[in-house]
Amino acid sequence: MGVFEEVGQFLETRLEEFLKQNPQLELQVLLDQLQSQEQETRRLVLALEKQQAQEEAELLTLAQDIQLWHGRVEKARNAQRPDLAGAAQEREAQLLGQGNQLWSRRLQTLERLKQAQDLIPQIQRRRREVQQQIDSLKQAPPQPAQPKAKTPAPEPNYTRGADPLDAEFQRWELEDELNRLKRNL
C-alpha cells in the first residue's frame, strides 16, 4: 500500500498547489460546501419542526390522559374506594412523570430548532461573501505569470541526473501522467 499512499499524497499535494494557483476554484469549492451545508441545515429544520409538532401532539394526548386519571382519583375518593383512588393516583403520577420528560425533550427540540434556524442566515451571509470574492476575482485582470529565474547556459556534457532539460521533461511527463490519471478517475 506504500505506493498507493505515496501517489495519493502526491495527488493531494498537487491539488493543493493547483488550488493555491487558482484561488477562484478554491472559492468555488467553498461556495459548493456552503450550499450543501445550507441544504442540510434546511432539512434539519424541517425534521425538527416535524418532531416539535409530534411532541406537541403527544403532550396534548398525555394532558388529556392526566385529566382523565385525575378525575378518576376524585371519583374513587368520593366513592370511598381508597384502593382504586391509590391506583389511579399512581397512574396519574406516572403520567405526570412522562409529561415532564416529554416537556424536557420538547424544550431541547425547540432549542435545536432555534439554533438551526439561526445558522441559515449565517451560512447565507458567508455564501454571499464568497460569491463576492469570486466575482471580484473574475473582474480583476489576470495576473501575468511570474517569469522563472534564468538558469545559466547548460554545459554540453550532462549526466542524466544533472541535466536540467531532462529534469524539466520528467516534470512535464509526470504532470501529463497525473492529468491523465485525474481524467480517468
N, C-alpha and C. Protein backbone atom coordinates (compact mmCIF):
# COMPACT_ATOMS: atom_id res chain seq x y z
N MET A 1 0.81 -1.20 0.00
CA MET A 1 0.00 0.00 0.00
C MET A 1 0.86 1.27 0.00
N GLY A 2 2.13 1.16 0.18
CA GLY A 2 3.02 2.31 0.23
C GLY A 2 2.99 3.12 -1.05
N VAL A 3 2.96 2.43 -2.19
CA VAL A 3 2.96 3.14 -3.47
C VAL A 3 1.66 3.93 -3.62
N PHE A 4 0.53 3.31 -3.26
CA PHE A 4 -0.75 4.00 -3.38
C PHE A 4 -0.83 5.19 -2.44
N GLU A 5 -0.31 5.04 -1.25
CA GLU A 5 -0.29 6.15 -0.30
C GLU A 5 0.58 7.29 -0.83
N GLU A 6 1.72 6.94 -1.42
CA GLU A 6 2.61 7.96 -1.97
C GLU A 6 1.93 8.68 -3.13
N VAL A 7 1.29 7.91 -4.01
CA VAL A 7 0.58 8.51 -5.14
C VAL A 7 -0.56 9.38 -4.63
N GLY A 8 -1.28 8.89 -3.63
CA GLY A 8 -2.37 9.68 -3.05
C GLY A 8 -1.87 10.97 -2.44
N GLN A 9 -0.77 10.89 -1.71
CA GLN A 9 -0.17 12.08 -1.11
C GLN A 9 0.30 13.04 -2.19
N PHE A 10 0.92 12.49 -3.24
CA PHE A 10 1.40 13.32 -4.34
C PHE A 10 0.23 14.04 -5.01
N LEU A 11 -0.86 13.30 -5.28
CA LEU A 11 -2.02 13.91 -5.92
C LEU A 11 -2.64 14.98 -5.03
N GLU A 12 -2.71 14.71 -3.74
CA GLU A 12 -3.27 15.68 -2.80
C GLU A 12 -2.42 16.95 -2.78
N THR A 13 -1.10 16.78 -2.77
CA THR A 13 -0.19 17.92 -2.78
C THR A 13 -0.35 18.73 -4.06
N ARG A 14 -0.43 18.03 -5.18
CA ARG A 14 -0.58 18.72 -6.47
C ARG A 14 -1.92 19.46 -6.52
N LEU A 15 -2.97 18.86 -5.98
CA LEU A 15 -4.28 19.50 -5.96
C LEU A 15 -4.23 20.76 -5.11
N GLU A 16 -3.58 20.69 -3.95
CA GLU A 16 -3.45 21.87 -3.10
C GLU A 16 -2.68 22.97 -3.81
N GLU A 17 -1.60 22.61 -4.49
CA GLU A 17 -0.82 23.60 -5.23
C GLU A 17 -1.67 24.22 -6.34
N PHE A 18 -2.43 23.37 -7.03
CA PHE A 18 -3.27 23.86 -8.11
C PHE A 18 -4.32 24.83 -7.58
N LEU A 19 -4.93 24.49 -6.44
CA LEU A 19 -5.94 25.37 -5.86
C LEU A 19 -5.33 26.69 -5.39
N LYS A 20 -4.11 26.64 -4.88
CA LYS A 20 -3.44 27.88 -4.47
C LYS A 20 -3.15 28.76 -5.67
N GLN A 21 -2.84 28.14 -6.80
CA GLN A 21 -2.56 28.91 -8.01
C GLN A 21 -3.86 29.40 -8.67
N ASN A 22 -4.98 28.79 -8.33
CA ASN A 22 -6.27 29.16 -8.90
C ASN A 22 -7.26 29.42 -7.76
N PRO A 23 -7.16 30.57 -7.10
CA PRO A 23 -8.00 30.82 -5.92
C PRO A 23 -9.49 30.83 -6.24
N GLN A 24 -9.86 31.15 -7.47
CA GLN A 24 -11.28 31.16 -7.81
C GLN A 24 -11.87 29.75 -7.71
N LEU A 25 -11.07 28.74 -8.02
CA LEU A 25 -11.54 27.36 -7.90
C LEU A 25 -11.69 26.97 -6.43
N GLU A 26 -10.73 27.40 -5.61
CA GLU A 26 -10.82 27.12 -4.18
C GLU A 26 -12.07 27.78 -3.60
N LEU A 27 -12.36 29.01 -4.03
CA LEU A 27 -13.55 29.70 -3.57
C LEU A 27 -14.81 29.00 -4.07
N GLN A 28 -14.75 28.47 -5.28
CA GLN A 28 -15.92 27.76 -5.82
C GLN A 28 -16.20 26.49 -5.02
N VAL A 29 -15.14 25.80 -4.61
CA VAL A 29 -15.30 24.61 -3.77
C VAL A 29 -15.94 25.01 -2.44
N LEU A 30 -15.46 26.10 -1.85
CA LEU A 30 -16.03 26.59 -0.60
C LEU A 30 -17.50 26.97 -0.78
N LEU A 31 -17.81 27.62 -1.90
CA LEU A 31 -19.19 28.00 -2.17
C LEU A 31 -20.08 26.76 -2.28
N ASP A 32 -19.61 25.74 -2.96
CA ASP A 32 -20.36 24.49 -3.07
C ASP A 32 -20.58 23.86 -1.70
N GLN A 33 -19.55 23.89 -0.85
CA GLN A 33 -19.68 23.33 0.50
C GLN A 33 -20.72 24.10 1.31
N LEU A 34 -20.72 25.42 1.17
CA LEU A 34 -21.69 26.24 1.89
C LEU A 34 -23.11 25.96 1.41
N GLN A 35 -23.28 25.79 0.10
CA GLN A 35 -24.61 25.47 -0.43
C GLN A 35 -25.09 24.14 0.12
N SER A 36 -24.20 23.17 0.16
CA SER A 36 -24.54 21.86 0.70
C SER A 36 -24.89 21.96 2.19
N GLN A 37 -24.12 22.75 2.92
CA GLN A 37 -24.38 22.93 4.35
C GLN A 37 -25.74 23.60 4.56
N GLU A 38 -26.07 24.57 3.72
CA GLU A 38 -27.37 25.24 3.85
C GLU A 38 -28.51 24.26 3.58
N GLN A 39 -28.37 23.42 2.56
CA GLN A 39 -29.41 22.43 2.27
C GLN A 39 -29.58 21.46 3.43
N GLU A 40 -28.47 21.00 3.99
CA GLU A 40 -28.53 20.08 5.14
C GLU A 40 -29.20 20.76 6.33
N THR A 41 -28.90 22.02 6.57
CA THR A 41 -29.49 22.74 7.69
C THR A 41 -30.98 22.92 7.47
N ARG A 42 -31.39 23.19 6.24
CA ARG A 42 -32.83 23.32 5.95
C ARG A 42 -33.55 21.99 6.18
N ARG A 43 -32.91 20.88 5.78
CA ARG A 43 -33.51 19.57 6.04
C ARG A 43 -33.64 19.32 7.54
N LEU A 44 -32.60 19.72 8.29
CA LEU A 44 -32.65 19.56 9.74
C LEU A 44 -33.79 20.39 10.34
N VAL A 45 -33.97 21.61 9.86
CA VAL A 45 -35.06 22.46 10.35
C VAL A 45 -36.41 21.78 10.11
N LEU A 46 -36.60 21.24 8.91
CA LEU A 46 -37.86 20.56 8.62
C LEU A 46 -38.08 19.36 9.53
N ALA A 47 -37.03 18.59 9.76
CA ALA A 47 -37.14 17.42 10.63
C ALA A 47 -37.46 17.83 12.06
N LEU A 48 -36.82 18.89 12.53
CA LEU A 48 -37.06 19.36 13.89
C LEU A 48 -38.46 19.95 14.03
N GLU A 49 -38.95 20.62 13.01
CA GLU A 49 -40.32 21.15 13.04
C GLU A 49 -41.33 20.00 13.11
N LYS A 50 -41.06 18.94 12.35
CA LYS A 50 -41.92 17.77 12.38
C LYS A 50 -41.88 17.12 13.76
N GLN A 51 -40.68 17.00 14.33
CA GLN A 51 -40.53 16.42 15.67
C GLN A 51 -41.25 17.28 16.70
N GLN A 52 -41.16 18.59 16.58
CA GLN A 52 -41.82 19.50 17.50
C GLN A 52 -43.34 19.30 17.45
N ALA A 53 -43.89 19.21 16.25
CA ALA A 53 -45.33 19.01 16.11
C ALA A 53 -45.75 17.67 16.73
N GLN A 54 -44.94 16.65 16.52
CA GLN A 54 -45.24 15.33 17.08
C GLN A 54 -45.21 15.38 18.61
N GLU A 55 -44.21 16.04 19.16
CA GLU A 55 -44.10 16.14 20.62
C GLU A 55 -45.27 16.94 21.20
N GLU A 56 -45.69 17.98 20.52
CA GLU A 56 -46.84 18.76 20.99
C GLU A 56 -48.11 17.92 20.98
N ALA A 57 -48.28 17.11 19.93
CA ALA A 57 -49.45 16.24 19.86
C ALA A 57 -49.41 15.21 20.99
N GLU A 58 -48.22 14.65 21.27
CA GLU A 58 -48.08 13.70 22.37
C GLU A 58 -48.39 14.37 23.71
N LEU A 59 -47.95 15.62 23.87
CA LEU A 59 -48.22 16.35 25.12
C LEU A 59 -49.72 16.56 25.30
N LEU A 60 -50.41 16.91 24.24
CA LEU A 60 -51.86 17.11 24.34
C LEU A 60 -52.56 15.82 24.73
N THR A 61 -52.17 14.72 24.11
CA THR A 61 -52.76 13.42 24.43
C THR A 61 -52.46 13.06 25.88
N LEU A 62 -51.23 13.28 26.30
CA LEU A 62 -50.83 12.98 27.67
C LEU A 62 -51.60 13.86 28.66
N ALA A 63 -51.80 15.12 28.34
CA ALA A 63 -52.56 16.02 29.21
C ALA A 63 -54.00 15.53 29.36
N GLN A 64 -54.58 15.04 28.27
CA GLN A 64 -55.94 14.51 28.36
C GLN A 64 -55.98 13.26 29.24
N ASP A 65 -54.96 12.40 29.11
CA ASP A 65 -54.89 11.21 29.96
C ASP A 65 -54.73 11.59 31.43
N ILE A 66 -53.89 12.58 31.71
CA ILE A 66 -53.69 13.04 33.09
C ILE A 66 -55.01 13.56 33.65
N GLN A 67 -55.71 14.33 32.84
CA GLN A 67 -57.01 14.87 33.25
C GLN A 67 -58.00 13.74 33.56
N LEU A 68 -58.01 12.72 32.71
CA LEU A 68 -58.89 11.58 32.91
C LEU A 68 -58.59 10.88 34.24
N TRP A 69 -57.29 10.61 34.49
CA TRP A 69 -56.92 9.90 35.71
C TRP A 69 -57.10 10.78 36.94
N HIS A 70 -56.93 12.07 36.81
CA HIS A 70 -57.19 12.96 37.93
C HIS A 70 -58.67 12.90 38.31
N GLY A 71 -59.52 12.90 37.30
CA GLY A 71 -60.96 12.76 37.56
C GLY A 71 -61.29 11.43 38.21
N ARG A 72 -60.61 10.39 37.80
CA ARG A 72 -60.86 9.07 38.38
C ARG A 72 -60.40 9.01 39.85
N VAL A 73 -59.30 9.71 40.14
CA VAL A 73 -58.84 9.78 41.53
C VAL A 73 -59.94 10.41 42.39
N GLU A 74 -60.46 11.54 41.94
CA GLU A 74 -61.51 12.24 42.68
C GLU A 74 -62.77 11.38 42.81
N LYS A 75 -63.12 10.72 41.72
CA LYS A 75 -64.32 9.88 41.72
C LYS A 75 -64.17 8.73 42.72
N ALA A 76 -62.98 8.10 42.73
CA ALA A 76 -62.74 6.98 43.66
C ALA A 76 -62.72 7.47 45.11
N ARG A 77 -62.18 8.65 45.37
CA ARG A 77 -62.17 9.20 46.73
C ARG A 77 -63.60 9.49 47.19
N ASN A 78 -64.38 10.09 46.29
CA ASN A 78 -65.76 10.42 46.65
C ASN A 78 -66.58 9.16 46.90
N ALA A 79 -66.25 8.09 46.19
CA ALA A 79 -66.96 6.83 46.38
C ALA A 79 -66.35 6.03 47.52
N GLN A 80 -65.37 6.61 48.18
CA GLN A 80 -64.68 5.99 49.29
C GLN A 80 -64.12 4.62 48.92
N ARG A 81 -63.39 4.67 47.79
CA ARG A 81 -62.69 3.47 47.33
C ARG A 81 -61.19 3.77 47.35
N PRO A 82 -60.57 3.68 48.54
CA PRO A 82 -59.15 4.03 48.65
C PRO A 82 -58.25 3.16 47.78
N ASP A 83 -58.61 1.90 47.55
CA ASP A 83 -57.79 1.04 46.71
C ASP A 83 -57.73 1.56 45.28
N LEU A 84 -58.90 1.94 44.73
CA LEU A 84 -58.93 2.49 43.37
C LEU A 84 -58.32 3.90 43.33
N ALA A 85 -58.57 4.68 44.35
CA ALA A 85 -58.03 6.04 44.40
C ALA A 85 -56.50 6.00 44.41
N GLY A 86 -55.93 5.08 45.18
CA GLY A 86 -54.47 4.96 45.25
C GLY A 86 -53.88 4.53 43.92
N ALA A 87 -54.50 3.54 43.28
CA ALA A 87 -54.01 3.07 41.98
C ALA A 87 -54.13 4.17 40.92
N ALA A 88 -55.24 4.89 40.95
CA ALA A 88 -55.44 5.98 39.99
C ALA A 88 -54.45 7.11 40.24
N GLN A 89 -54.15 7.34 41.50
CA GLN A 89 -53.19 8.39 41.84
C GLN A 89 -51.78 7.99 41.36
N GLU A 90 -51.42 6.72 41.49
CA GLU A 90 -50.13 6.25 40.98
C GLU A 90 -50.05 6.41 39.47
N ARG A 91 -51.16 6.07 38.79
CA ARG A 91 -51.18 6.21 37.32
C ARG A 91 -51.05 7.67 36.94
N GLU A 92 -51.73 8.55 37.65
CA GLU A 92 -51.65 9.98 37.38
C GLU A 92 -50.21 10.48 37.59
N ALA A 93 -49.54 10.03 38.63
CA ALA A 93 -48.15 10.42 38.91
C ALA A 93 -47.23 9.91 37.81
N GLN A 94 -47.47 8.67 37.37
CA GLN A 94 -46.65 8.11 36.28
C GLN A 94 -46.81 8.95 35.01
N LEU A 95 -48.04 9.32 34.70
CA LEU A 95 -48.29 10.14 33.51
C LEU A 95 -47.66 11.54 33.65
N LEU A 96 -47.70 12.08 34.85
CA LEU A 96 -47.06 13.39 35.08
C LEU A 96 -45.55 13.29 34.86
N GLY A 97 -44.95 12.18 35.31
CA GLY A 97 -43.51 11.97 35.07
C GLY A 97 -43.19 11.90 33.59
N GLN A 98 -44.04 11.14 32.85
CA GLN A 98 -43.85 11.07 31.39
C GLN A 98 -44.01 12.46 30.76
N GLY A 99 -44.96 13.22 31.28
CA GLY A 99 -45.18 14.58 30.77
C GLY A 99 -43.97 15.47 30.99
N ASN A 100 -43.35 15.34 32.17
CA ASN A 100 -42.14 16.14 32.46
C ASN A 100 -41.00 15.78 31.51
N GLN A 101 -40.82 14.47 31.27
CA GLN A 101 -39.77 14.04 30.35
C GLN A 101 -40.05 14.55 28.93
N LEU A 102 -41.30 14.42 28.52
CA LEU A 102 -41.66 14.87 27.17
C LEU A 102 -41.50 16.39 27.05
N TRP A 103 -41.83 17.11 28.10
CA TRP A 103 -41.69 18.57 28.09
C TRP A 103 -40.21 18.95 27.95
N SER A 104 -39.33 18.23 28.68
CA SER A 104 -37.89 18.48 28.57
C SER A 104 -37.39 18.21 27.15
N ARG A 105 -37.85 17.10 26.57
CA ARG A 105 -37.46 16.79 25.18
C ARG A 105 -37.95 17.88 24.23
N ARG A 106 -39.16 18.36 24.48
CA ARG A 106 -39.73 19.41 23.62
C ARG A 106 -38.88 20.68 23.71
N LEU A 107 -38.44 21.03 24.92
CA LEU A 107 -37.60 22.22 25.09
C LEU A 107 -36.26 22.05 24.36
N GLN A 108 -35.69 20.84 24.43
CA GLN A 108 -34.44 20.58 23.71
C GLN A 108 -34.65 20.69 22.20
N THR A 109 -35.77 20.16 21.73
CA THR A 109 -36.08 20.25 20.30
C THR A 109 -36.23 21.70 19.88
N LEU A 110 -36.91 22.49 20.69
CA LEU A 110 -37.09 23.91 20.37
C LEU A 110 -35.75 24.64 20.33
N GLU A 111 -34.85 24.30 21.24
CA GLU A 111 -33.52 24.93 21.27
C GLU A 111 -32.73 24.55 20.02
N ARG A 112 -32.74 23.27 19.67
CA ARG A 112 -32.03 22.83 18.47
C ARG A 112 -32.62 23.48 17.22
N LEU A 113 -33.95 23.60 17.19
CA LEU A 113 -34.62 24.22 16.04
C LEU A 113 -34.19 25.69 15.92
N LYS A 114 -34.15 26.39 17.04
CA LYS A 114 -33.73 27.79 17.02
C LYS A 114 -32.29 27.92 16.52
N GLN A 115 -31.41 27.04 17.01
CA GLN A 115 -30.01 27.09 16.58
C GLN A 115 -29.89 26.83 15.07
N ALA A 116 -30.64 25.87 14.57
CA ALA A 116 -30.58 25.56 13.13
C ALA A 116 -31.14 26.72 12.32
N GLN A 117 -32.22 27.32 12.80
CA GLN A 117 -32.80 28.46 12.08
C GLN A 117 -31.86 29.66 12.10
N ASP A 118 -31.15 29.85 13.20
CA ASP A 118 -30.18 30.95 13.28
C ASP A 118 -28.97 30.71 12.39
N LEU A 119 -28.65 29.44 12.14
CA LEU A 119 -27.49 29.10 11.33
C LEU A 119 -27.70 29.42 9.85
N ILE A 120 -28.92 29.30 9.37
CA ILE A 120 -29.20 29.52 7.95
C ILE A 120 -28.79 30.92 7.49
N PRO A 121 -29.18 32.01 8.18
CA PRO A 121 -28.72 33.34 7.72
C PRO A 121 -27.20 33.50 7.77
N GLN A 122 -26.56 32.86 8.75
CA GLN A 122 -25.09 32.94 8.82
C GLN A 122 -24.46 32.27 7.60
N ILE A 123 -24.99 31.12 7.22
CA ILE A 123 -24.47 30.42 6.04
C ILE A 123 -24.72 31.27 4.79
N GLN A 124 -25.92 31.84 4.70
CA GLN A 124 -26.25 32.66 3.53
C GLN A 124 -25.33 33.88 3.44
N ARG A 125 -25.05 34.48 4.58
CA ARG A 125 -24.16 35.65 4.59
C ARG A 125 -22.75 35.24 4.12
N ARG A 126 -22.28 34.10 4.61
CA ARG A 126 -20.95 33.61 4.20
C ARG A 126 -20.93 33.28 2.71
N ARG A 127 -22.03 32.71 2.21
CA ARG A 127 -22.12 32.41 0.77
C ARG A 127 -22.03 33.69 -0.06
N ARG A 128 -22.73 34.73 0.40
CA ARG A 128 -22.67 36.00 -0.33
C ARG A 128 -21.25 36.56 -0.34
N GLU A 129 -20.56 36.45 0.79
CA GLU A 129 -19.18 36.94 0.88
C GLU A 129 -18.28 36.18 -0.10
N VAL A 130 -18.42 34.87 -0.13
CA VAL A 130 -17.60 34.06 -1.02
C VAL A 130 -17.94 34.37 -2.47
N GLN A 131 -19.23 34.54 -2.76
CA GLN A 131 -19.64 34.86 -4.13
C GLN A 131 -19.07 36.21 -4.55
N GLN A 132 -19.04 37.17 -3.63
CA GLN A 132 -18.45 38.48 -3.94
C GLN A 132 -16.95 38.34 -4.23
N GLN A 133 -16.28 37.49 -3.48
CA GLN A 133 -14.86 37.26 -3.73
C GLN A 133 -14.65 36.63 -5.10
N ILE A 134 -15.50 35.68 -5.46
CA ILE A 134 -15.41 35.05 -6.77
C ILE A 134 -15.64 36.07 -7.87
N ASP A 135 -16.67 36.90 -7.68
CA ASP A 135 -16.98 37.93 -8.68
C ASP A 135 -15.84 38.93 -8.83
N SER A 136 -15.22 39.31 -7.70
CA SER A 136 -14.11 40.27 -7.79
C SER A 136 -12.90 39.64 -8.48
N LEU A 137 -12.68 38.34 -8.28
CA LEU A 137 -11.58 37.67 -8.98
C LEU A 137 -11.85 37.59 -10.48
N LYS A 138 -13.12 37.40 -10.84
CA LYS A 138 -13.47 37.34 -12.26
C LYS A 138 -13.27 38.68 -12.93
N GLN A 139 -13.52 39.77 -12.19
CA GLN A 139 -13.40 41.11 -12.76
C GLN A 139 -11.96 41.60 -12.77
N ALA A 140 -11.13 41.06 -11.90
CA ALA A 140 -9.74 41.51 -11.82
C ALA A 140 -8.99 41.04 -13.07
N PRO A 141 -8.11 41.88 -13.59
CA PRO A 141 -7.34 41.44 -14.76
C PRO A 141 -6.43 40.29 -14.37
N PRO A 142 -6.23 39.35 -15.27
CA PRO A 142 -5.38 38.20 -14.94
C PRO A 142 -3.95 38.66 -14.66
N GLN A 143 -3.38 38.05 -13.65
CA GLN A 143 -2.01 38.37 -13.27
C GLN A 143 -1.06 37.64 -14.21
N PRO A 144 -0.09 38.35 -14.76
CA PRO A 144 0.86 37.65 -15.63
C PRO A 144 1.67 36.66 -14.81
N ALA A 145 2.01 35.58 -15.45
CA ALA A 145 2.81 34.55 -14.77
C ALA A 145 4.17 35.13 -14.44
N GLN A 146 4.65 34.81 -13.27
CA GLN A 146 5.96 35.29 -12.85
C GLN A 146 7.02 34.56 -13.68
N PRO A 147 7.91 35.30 -14.34
CA PRO A 147 8.94 34.62 -15.12
C PRO A 147 9.88 33.87 -14.18
N LYS A 148 10.26 32.70 -14.62
CA LYS A 148 11.19 31.90 -13.82
C LYS A 148 12.58 32.49 -13.96
N ALA A 149 13.33 32.32 -12.91
CA ALA A 149 14.70 32.82 -12.93
C ALA A 149 15.48 32.08 -14.01
N LYS A 150 16.23 32.82 -14.75
CA LYS A 150 17.02 32.22 -15.82
C LYS A 150 18.13 31.38 -15.22
N THR A 151 18.28 30.20 -15.79
CA THR A 151 19.37 29.34 -15.34
C THR A 151 20.54 29.58 -16.30
N PRO A 152 21.72 29.42 -15.79
CA PRO A 152 22.87 29.63 -16.68
C PRO A 152 22.84 28.62 -17.82
N ALA A 153 23.48 28.98 -18.93
CA ALA A 153 23.51 28.11 -20.12
C ALA A 153 24.09 26.76 -19.74
N PRO A 154 23.44 25.68 -20.20
CA PRO A 154 23.89 24.35 -19.80
C PRO A 154 25.23 24.00 -20.44
N GLU A 155 25.95 23.20 -19.73
CA GLU A 155 27.21 22.66 -20.22
C GLU A 155 26.88 21.58 -21.24
N PRO A 156 27.70 21.38 -22.25
CA PRO A 156 27.39 20.39 -23.27
C PRO A 156 27.43 18.94 -22.77
N ASN A 157 28.19 18.61 -21.75
CA ASN A 157 28.30 17.23 -21.27
C ASN A 157 27.50 17.09 -19.99
N TYR A 158 26.27 16.59 -20.09
CA TYR A 158 25.42 16.40 -18.91
C TYR A 158 25.30 14.93 -18.62
N THR A 159 25.27 14.66 -17.33
CA THR A 159 24.88 13.32 -16.95
C THR A 159 23.36 13.35 -16.82
N ARG A 160 22.71 12.22 -16.94
CA ARG A 160 21.25 12.18 -16.96
C ARG A 160 20.64 12.80 -15.70
N GLY A 161 21.19 12.55 -14.53
CA GLY A 161 20.62 13.06 -13.29
C GLY A 161 20.81 14.55 -13.11
N ALA A 162 21.81 15.16 -13.72
CA ALA A 162 22.10 16.57 -13.52
C ALA A 162 21.63 17.44 -14.67
N ASP A 163 21.00 16.87 -15.69
CA ASP A 163 20.56 17.62 -16.86
C ASP A 163 19.26 18.36 -16.55
N PRO A 164 19.27 19.73 -16.53
CA PRO A 164 18.04 20.47 -16.22
C PRO A 164 16.95 20.25 -17.27
N LEU A 165 17.31 20.10 -18.52
CA LEU A 165 16.31 19.85 -19.56
C LEU A 165 15.65 18.49 -19.33
N ASP A 166 16.44 17.50 -18.99
CA ASP A 166 15.89 16.18 -18.69
C ASP A 166 14.96 16.25 -17.48
N ALA A 167 15.36 17.01 -16.46
CA ALA A 167 14.51 17.16 -15.27
C ALA A 167 13.20 17.86 -15.62
N GLU A 168 13.28 18.87 -16.50
CA GLU A 168 12.07 19.59 -16.92
C GLU A 168 11.13 18.65 -17.68
N PHE A 169 11.70 17.83 -18.58
CA PHE A 169 10.88 16.86 -19.31
C PHE A 169 10.25 15.84 -18.34
N GLN A 170 11.02 15.41 -17.37
CA GLN A 170 10.47 14.45 -16.41
C GLN A 170 9.30 15.06 -15.63
N ARG A 171 9.43 16.32 -15.21
CA ARG A 171 8.32 17.01 -14.52
C ARG A 171 7.12 17.12 -15.44
N TRP A 172 7.37 17.51 -16.69
CA TRP A 172 6.27 17.67 -17.65
C TRP A 172 5.57 16.34 -17.89
N GLU A 173 6.32 15.28 -18.09
CA GLU A 173 5.73 13.96 -18.31
C GLU A 173 4.96 13.49 -17.09
N LEU A 174 5.47 13.80 -15.90
CA LEU A 174 4.79 13.41 -14.68
C LEU A 174 3.47 14.17 -14.53
N GLU A 175 3.49 15.46 -14.83
CA GLU A 175 2.26 16.24 -14.78
C GLU A 175 1.26 15.75 -15.81
N ASP A 176 1.75 15.42 -17.00
CA ASP A 176 0.88 14.88 -18.05
C ASP A 176 0.24 13.57 -17.59
N GLU A 177 1.02 12.72 -16.99
CA GLU A 177 0.51 11.44 -16.47
C GLU A 177 -0.49 11.68 -15.35
N LEU A 178 -0.20 12.64 -14.48
CA LEU A 178 -1.11 12.99 -13.39
C LEU A 178 -2.45 13.47 -13.94
N ASN A 179 -2.41 14.33 -14.93
CA ASN A 179 -3.65 14.82 -15.53
C ASN A 179 -4.43 13.70 -16.18
N ARG A 180 -3.73 12.76 -16.82
CA ARG A 180 -4.40 11.62 -17.43
C ARG A 180 -5.08 10.77 -16.35
N LEU A 181 -4.39 10.56 -15.23
CA LEU A 181 -4.97 9.79 -14.13
C LEU A 181 -6.20 10.48 -13.56
N LYS A 182 -6.13 11.79 -13.41
CA LYS A 182 -7.28 12.55 -12.89
C LYS A 182 -8.48 12.40 -13.81
N ARG A 183 -8.24 12.49 -15.12
CA ARG A 183 -9.36 12.34 -16.07
C ARG A 183 -9.96 10.96 -15.99
N ASN A 184 -9.12 9.96 -15.81
CA ASN A 184 -9.62 8.58 -15.74
C ASN A 184 -10.36 8.28 -14.46
N LEU A 185 -10.05 9.02 -13.38
CA LEU A 185 -10.75 8.82 -12.12
C LEU A 185 -12.11 9.43 -12.21
